[in-house]
């Protein structure tokens, strides 16, 4: 997996790009195409505006479609359900030592999405971290793992 640096509020896009081994620019372009299809209000046709102000159902649909196209329907259903509820949906909450997938993180003032592969976290905002570094990162930011969502091959 190759680390990709997110733009402002693009952690989900960058996470999906890393997991799918695609360039972030390609995922960003697809997201903007979906925004234009989903959102009738043209004033919301910018990523940061859409992700904060568009109807919740439209935001969930954007995440679902991107996830399904890149990582499969099963992953898409799980990531949208966890994102929608802002809580774990019965999945893993411990640090993943193998495989690859998405880690959803809860902070006091928001959430964040990172990718992992074989015990290494790929944070599109903070860089690559091993288990100890990730634990320290969560501690200093008062964060906790909301859920670990493996990508099934």
Foldseek 3Di string as FASTA:
>chain_A
DDFAADDPPCQLLRQLCVVLVHHSVVSLVVLLVLCVVQPPPVVCSDVVSVCPPNDPVSNLVSQLVSCCVRQNNVLSVLVSVCVVVVAHPPADFDQDQAAKFWWWKDAPVGIGIWIDHRQWIRGNHPGIDGPVRVVVVCVVRVMGTRHTRGRDD
